Amino acid sequence: MRPGVFNSEVVDQYRGHLAKHWNADLIDKANCKHRELLAVHVHKPDVKATLDKHDEETLFNEAWDCLKGCFMQLC
């Protein structure tokens, strides 16, 4: 998902809910980490292969857990 789409379809759409749990710095950090994840996906074949095993049916935590050791945790 391109950063602009991530911002408009995820962050902006759910900003009110996110703000209940995260401060503005954490929301900005999520945007930054998303951009970093995209770069890692392009430049690290092992990470790309791990992520590409999943589809829209995969739960977020399941896919995120597969990245342990490959990418920094968000918080």
N, C-alpha and C. Protein backbone atom coordinates (compact mmCIF):
# COMPACT_ATOMS: atom_id res chain seq x y z
N MET A 1 0.86 -1.17 0.00
CA MET A 1 0.00 0.00 0.00
C MET A 1 0.91 1.24 0.00
N ARG A 2 0.73 2.10 -0.97
CA ARG A 2 1.52 3.33 -1.06
C ARG A 2 1.27 4.19 0.18
N PRO A 3 2.29 5.00 0.58
CA PRO A 3 2.12 5.84 1.77
C PRO A 3 0.90 6.75 1.71
N GLY A 4 0.60 7.33 0.56
CA GLY A 4 -0.57 8.20 0.45
C GLY A 4 -1.86 7.45 0.70
N VAL A 5 -1.94 6.24 0.19
CA VAL A 5 -3.13 5.41 0.40
C VAL A 5 -3.21 5.00 1.87
N PHE A 6 -2.08 4.63 2.46
CA PHE A 6 -2.05 4.27 3.87
C PHE A 6 -2.57 5.43 4.72
N ASN A 7 -2.10 6.64 4.41
CA ASN A 7 -2.56 7.81 5.17
C ASN A 7 -4.05 8.06 4.99
N SER A 8 -4.52 8.03 3.75
CA SER A 8 -5.92 8.38 3.52
C SER A 8 -6.89 7.28 3.93
N GLU A 9 -6.53 6.02 3.70
CA GLU A 9 -7.46 4.92 3.96
C GLU A 9 -7.31 4.30 5.34
N VAL A 10 -6.20 4.52 5.99
CA VAL A 10 -6.01 3.92 7.32
C VAL A 10 -5.88 5.01 8.38
N VAL A 11 -4.81 5.79 8.29
CA VAL A 11 -4.54 6.76 9.36
C VAL A 11 -5.64 7.82 9.44
N ASP A 12 -5.92 8.48 8.34
CA ASP A 12 -6.92 9.55 8.38
C ASP A 12 -8.31 9.02 8.73
N GLN A 13 -8.66 7.88 8.16
CA GLN A 13 -9.99 7.32 8.39
C GLN A 13 -10.18 6.90 9.85
N TYR A 14 -9.11 6.45 10.49
CA TYR A 14 -9.22 5.95 11.86
C TYR A 14 -8.49 6.83 12.87
N ARG A 15 -8.18 8.06 12.48
CA ARG A 15 -7.42 8.96 13.35
C ARG A 15 -8.10 9.15 14.72
N GLY A 16 -9.41 9.30 14.73
CA GLY A 16 -10.13 9.47 16.00
C GLY A 16 -9.92 8.28 16.92
N HIS A 17 -10.01 7.08 16.38
CA HIS A 17 -9.79 5.88 17.19
C HIS A 17 -8.33 5.78 17.62
N LEU A 18 -7.41 6.04 16.69
CA LEU A 18 -5.99 5.98 17.02
C LEU A 18 -5.66 6.97 18.13
N ALA A 19 -6.23 8.17 18.06
CA ALA A 19 -5.95 9.22 19.04
C ALA A 19 -6.40 8.83 20.45
N LYS A 20 -7.32 7.90 20.55
CA LYS A 20 -7.75 7.43 21.88
C LYS A 20 -6.66 6.60 22.55
N HIS A 21 -5.78 6.02 21.74
CA HIS A 21 -4.78 5.10 22.26
C HIS A 21 -3.34 5.57 22.04
N TRP A 22 -3.14 6.40 21.03
CA TRP A 22 -1.79 6.87 20.68
C TRP A 22 -1.77 8.37 20.67
N ASN A 23 -0.61 8.94 21.00
CA ASN A 23 -0.45 10.38 20.86
C ASN A 23 -0.02 10.69 19.42
N ALA A 24 0.07 11.95 19.07
CA ALA A 24 0.40 12.35 17.70
C ALA A 24 1.77 11.82 17.27
N ASP A 25 2.72 11.75 18.20
CA ASP A 25 4.04 11.23 17.86
C ASP A 25 3.99 9.76 17.44
N LEU A 26 3.19 8.95 18.13
CA LEU A 26 3.07 7.54 17.76
C LEU A 26 2.37 7.38 16.42
N ILE A 27 1.39 8.20 16.14
CA ILE A 27 0.72 8.15 14.84
C ILE A 27 1.70 8.51 13.74
N ASP A 28 2.52 9.54 13.95
CA ASP A 28 3.55 9.90 12.97
C ASP A 28 4.57 8.78 12.82
N LYS A 29 4.90 8.13 13.93
CA LYS A 29 5.87 7.03 13.89
C LYS A 29 5.31 5.86 13.06
N ALA A 30 4.02 5.62 13.17
CA ALA A 30 3.40 4.56 12.37
C ALA A 30 3.54 4.86 10.88
N ASN A 31 3.35 6.12 10.50
CA ASN A 31 3.54 6.51 9.10
C ASN A 31 4.98 6.28 8.67
N CYS A 32 5.92 6.66 9.51
CA CYS A 32 7.34 6.49 9.22
C CYS A 32 7.69 5.01 9.10
N LYS A 33 7.20 4.20 10.03
CA LYS A 33 7.48 2.76 10.00
C LYS A 33 6.86 2.10 8.77
N HIS A 34 5.71 2.60 8.36
CA HIS A 34 5.09 2.07 7.14
C HIS A 34 6.00 2.32 5.94
N ARG A 35 6.53 3.54 5.83
CA ARG A 35 7.45 3.85 4.73
C ARG A 35 8.70 2.97 4.80
N GLU A 36 9.23 2.78 6.02
CA GLU A 36 10.41 1.92 6.19
C GLU A 36 10.09 0.48 5.78
N LEU A 37 8.93 -0.01 6.16
CA LEU A 37 8.53 -1.36 5.80
C LEU A 37 8.45 -1.52 4.28
N LEU A 38 7.93 -0.52 3.59
CA LEU A 38 7.88 -0.58 2.13
C LEU A 38 9.29 -0.68 1.54
N ALA A 39 10.22 0.10 2.08
CA ALA A 39 11.60 0.05 1.59
C ALA A 39 12.22 -1.32 1.86
N VAL A 40 12.00 -1.86 3.04
CA VAL A 40 12.52 -3.18 3.38
C VAL A 40 11.92 -4.23 2.45
N HIS A 41 10.64 -4.13 2.18
CA HIS A 41 9.95 -5.07 1.29
C HIS A 41 10.59 -5.07 -0.09
N VAL A 42 11.00 -3.92 -0.57
CA VAL A 42 11.61 -3.81 -1.90
C VAL A 42 13.05 -4.33 -1.91
N HIS A 43 13.79 -4.07 -0.84
CA HIS A 43 15.23 -4.33 -0.84
C HIS A 43 15.67 -5.61 -0.15
N LYS A 44 14.77 -6.27 0.55
CA LYS A 44 15.15 -7.52 1.24
C LYS A 44 14.25 -8.65 0.75
N PRO A 45 14.78 -9.51 -0.11
CA PRO A 45 13.97 -10.59 -0.67
C PRO A 45 13.35 -11.52 0.37
N ASP A 46 14.06 -11.75 1.49
CA ASP A 46 13.50 -12.64 2.52
C ASP A 46 12.26 -12.04 3.17
N VAL A 47 12.28 -10.72 3.40
CA VAL A 47 11.12 -10.05 3.97
C VAL A 47 9.98 -10.05 2.97
N LYS A 48 10.30 -9.75 1.71
CA LYS A 48 9.28 -9.76 0.66
C LYS A 48 8.61 -11.13 0.57
N ALA A 49 9.41 -12.18 0.58
CA ALA A 49 8.87 -13.54 0.49
C ALA A 49 7.97 -13.86 1.69
N THR A 50 8.40 -13.42 2.87
CA THR A 50 7.60 -13.66 4.08
C THR A 50 6.26 -12.95 3.99
N LEU A 51 6.29 -11.67 3.60
CA LEU A 51 5.05 -10.91 3.51
C LEU A 51 4.15 -11.40 2.38
N ASP A 52 4.74 -11.78 1.27
CA ASP A 52 3.95 -12.20 0.11
C ASP A 52 3.22 -13.53 0.31
N LYS A 53 3.54 -14.24 1.38
CA LYS A 53 2.83 -15.48 1.70
C LYS A 53 1.42 -15.20 2.21
N HIS A 54 1.17 -13.96 2.61
CA HIS A 54 -0.11 -13.58 3.21
C HIS A 54 -1.01 -12.88 2.21
N ASP A 55 -2.31 -12.87 2.51
CA ASP A 55 -3.27 -12.18 1.65
C ASP A 55 -4.25 -11.40 2.53
N GLU A 56 -5.32 -10.93 1.92
CA GLU A 56 -6.29 -10.11 2.65
C GLU A 56 -7.01 -10.87 3.76
N GLU A 57 -6.89 -12.19 3.77
CA GLU A 57 -7.51 -13.01 4.81
C GLU A 57 -6.62 -13.14 6.05
N THR A 58 -5.36 -12.76 5.92
CA THR A 58 -4.42 -12.89 7.03
C THR A 58 -4.69 -11.83 8.08
N LEU A 59 -4.72 -12.24 9.32
CA LEU A 59 -4.88 -11.30 10.42
C LEU A 59 -3.59 -10.50 10.58
N PHE A 60 -3.73 -9.23 10.97
CA PHE A 60 -2.56 -8.35 11.09
C PHE A 60 -1.50 -8.96 11.98
N ASN A 61 -1.88 -9.39 13.19
CA ASN A 61 -0.89 -9.90 14.14
C ASN A 61 -0.17 -11.13 13.60
N GLU A 62 -0.86 -11.95 12.86
CA GLU A 62 -0.24 -13.14 12.27
C GLU A 62 0.87 -12.73 11.29
N ALA A 63 0.57 -11.79 10.42
CA ALA A 63 1.56 -11.33 9.45
C ALA A 63 2.69 -10.57 10.15
N TRP A 64 2.33 -9.72 11.11
CA TRP A 64 3.35 -8.93 11.81
C TRP A 64 4.29 -9.84 12.57
N ASP A 65 3.77 -10.89 13.21
CA ASP A 65 4.61 -11.82 13.97
C ASP A 65 5.63 -12.52 13.08
N CYS A 66 5.31 -12.70 11.81
CA CYS A 66 6.24 -13.34 10.88
C CYS A 66 7.46 -12.46 10.60
N LEU A 67 7.37 -11.18 10.90
CA LEU A 67 8.47 -10.26 10.64
C LEU A 67 9.45 -10.14 11.79
N LYS A 68 9.17 -10.79 12.91
CA LYS A 68 10.09 -10.69 14.04
C LYS A 68 11.49 -11.08 13.59
N GLY A 69 12.43 -10.24 13.92
CA GLY A 69 13.80 -10.47 13.51
C GLY A 69 14.13 -9.87 12.15
N CYS A 70 13.11 -9.49 11.39
CA CYS A 70 13.33 -8.91 10.07
C CYS A 70 13.14 -7.41 10.07
N PHE A 71 12.31 -6.92 10.99
CA PHE A 71 11.93 -5.52 10.97
C PHE A 71 11.62 -5.10 12.40
N MET A 72 11.95 -3.85 12.73
CA MET A 72 11.73 -3.35 14.08
C MET A 72 10.24 -3.30 14.41
N GLN A 73 9.91 -3.54 15.66
CA GLN A 73 8.53 -3.39 16.12
C GLN A 73 8.16 -1.92 16.13
N LEU A 74 6.89 -1.64 15.96
CA LEU A 74 6.41 -0.25 15.91
C LEU A 74 6.64 0.48 17.23
N CYS A 75 6.32 -0.13 18.34
CA CYS A 75 6.41 0.55 19.63
C CYS A 75 7.35 -0.20 20.54
